[in-house]
């Protein structure tokens, strides 16, 4: 095993935030986001396990953001996560092979 993506918990807000971060990374660097989802192991606790299941299902991240009632597309957690993902993508790419 070379790479593992480990996702934390946080309830519905955690799911929204983590999907937001991943969407922000995707906005900034499509290849990096694809590489994260294709890690050797993707695991999570609680909300993180839900996100791990979603991103390893083969569906695109955009598919999780099409429902306007979904917590993953509305609210401050999703917006803040997406902004953080965009801002940190270049730094993350330095450490992710």
Protein backbone atom coordinates (compact mmCIF):
# COMPACT_ATOMS: atom_id res chain seq x y z
CA UNK A 1 0.00 0.00 0.00
CA UNK A 2 1.35 3.40 -0.98
CA UNK A 3 -1.47 5.87 -0.37
CA UNK A 4 -4.48 6.07 1.91
CA UNK A 5 -7.19 8.71 2.09
CA UNK A 6 -8.60 8.90 5.62
CA UNK A 7 -11.81 10.87 6.19
CA UNK A 8 -13.19 12.06 9.53
CA UNK A 9 -16.70 12.13 10.98
CA UNK A 10 -18.98 15.06 11.63
CA UNK A 11 -22.56 14.13 10.83
CA UNK A 12 -24.38 15.72 7.92
CA UNK A 13 -22.21 18.84 8.19
CA UNK A 14 -19.12 16.62 7.97
CA UNK A 15 -20.39 14.98 4.80
CA UNK A 16 -21.11 18.39 3.27
CA UNK A 17 -17.72 19.78 4.32
CA UNK A 18 -15.71 16.78 3.08
CA UNK A 19 -17.53 16.65 -0.26
CA UNK A 20 -17.03 20.41 -0.48
CA UNK A 21 -13.29 20.06 0.10
CA UNK A 22 -13.06 17.36 -2.56
CA UNK A 23 -15.09 19.45 -5.02
CA UNK A 24 -12.80 22.43 -4.34
CA UNK A 25 -9.74 20.27 -5.01
CA UNK A 26 -11.44 19.10 -8.20
CA UNK A 27 -12.08 22.73 -9.21
CA UNK A 28 -8.40 23.54 -8.75
CA UNK A 29 -6.80 20.33 -10.03
CA UNK A 30 -8.94 17.62 -11.64
CA UNK A 31 -6.08 15.10 -11.75
CA UNK A 32 -5.32 15.52 -8.04
CA UNK A 33 -8.94 14.87 -7.06
CA UNK A 34 -9.04 11.77 -9.26
CA UNK A 35 -5.82 10.56 -7.68
CA UNK A 36 -7.23 11.04 -4.16
CA UNK A 37 -10.34 9.01 -4.97
CA UNK A 38 -8.14 6.29 -6.49
CA UNK A 39 -5.97 5.90 -3.37
CA UNK A 40 -4.97 2.36 -2.45
CA UNK A 41 -7.23 2.56 0.60
CA UNK A 42 -10.08 5.02 1.26
CA UNK A 43 -11.51 4.83 4.79
CA UNK A 44 -13.58 7.01 7.04
CA UNK A 45 -15.25 7.22 10.39
CA UNK A 46 -18.97 7.95 10.54
CA UNK A 47 -19.60 10.75 8.02
CA UNK A 48 -16.21 10.00 6.48
CA UNK A 49 -17.30 6.45 5.74
CA UNK A 50 -20.33 7.79 3.86
CA UNK A 51 -18.07 10.07 1.80
CA UNK A 52 -15.58 7.22 1.23
CA UNK A 53 -18.41 5.07 -0.11
CA UNK A 54 -19.61 7.84 -2.38
CA UNK A 55 -16.25 8.73 -3.88
CA UNK A 56 -15.27 5.10 -4.47
CA UNK A 57 -18.62 4.20 -6.07
CA UNK A 58 -17.51 5.35 -9.50
CA UNK A 59 -19.95 8.27 -9.64
CA UNK A 60 -18.51 11.71 -10.24
CA UNK A 61 -18.35 14.26 -7.45
CA UNK A 62 -20.63 16.46 -9.52
CA UNK A 63 -23.33 13.80 -9.17
CA UNK A 64 -23.38 14.43 -5.42
CA UNK A 65 -23.92 18.13 -5.93
CA UNK A 66 -26.95 18.20 -8.21
CA UNK A 67 -29.72 18.01 -5.60
CA UNK A 68 -30.47 21.54 -4.34
CA UNK A 69 -31.89 20.09 -1.10
CA UNK A 70 -28.77 18.05 -0.42
CA UNK A 71 -26.57 19.19 2.49
CA UNK A 72 -23.61 18.60 0.18
CA UNK A 73 -24.64 21.54 -2.03
CA UNK A 74 -26.06 24.05 0.41
CA UNK A 75 -25.09 25.64 3.65
CA UNK A 76 -21.91 27.04 5.09
CA UNK A 77 -20.18 23.68 5.56
CA UNK A 78 -20.23 22.81 1.86
CA UNK A 79 -19.21 26.32 0.80
CA UNK A 80 -16.40 26.57 3.36
CA UNK A 81 -15.14 23.10 2.47
CA UNK A 82 -15.08 23.90 -1.22
CA UNK A 83 -13.17 27.14 -0.67
CA UNK A 84 -10.65 25.33 1.53
CA UNK A 85 -10.22 22.61 -1.08
CA UNK A 86 -9.52 25.18 -3.78
CA UNK A 87 -7.07 27.05 -1.56
CA UNK A 88 -5.15 23.96 -0.42
CA UNK A 89 -5.04 21.93 -3.65
CA UNK A 90 -1.60 23.18 -4.73
CA UNK A 91 -0.11 22.48 -1.30
CA UNK A 92 -1.64 19.01 -1.20
CA UNK A 93 -0.32 18.21 -4.67
CA UNK A 94 3.24 18.74 -3.37
CA UNK A 95 2.85 15.79 -0.98
CA UNK A 96 0.51 13.49 -2.89
CA UNK A 97 2.41 11.35 -5.40
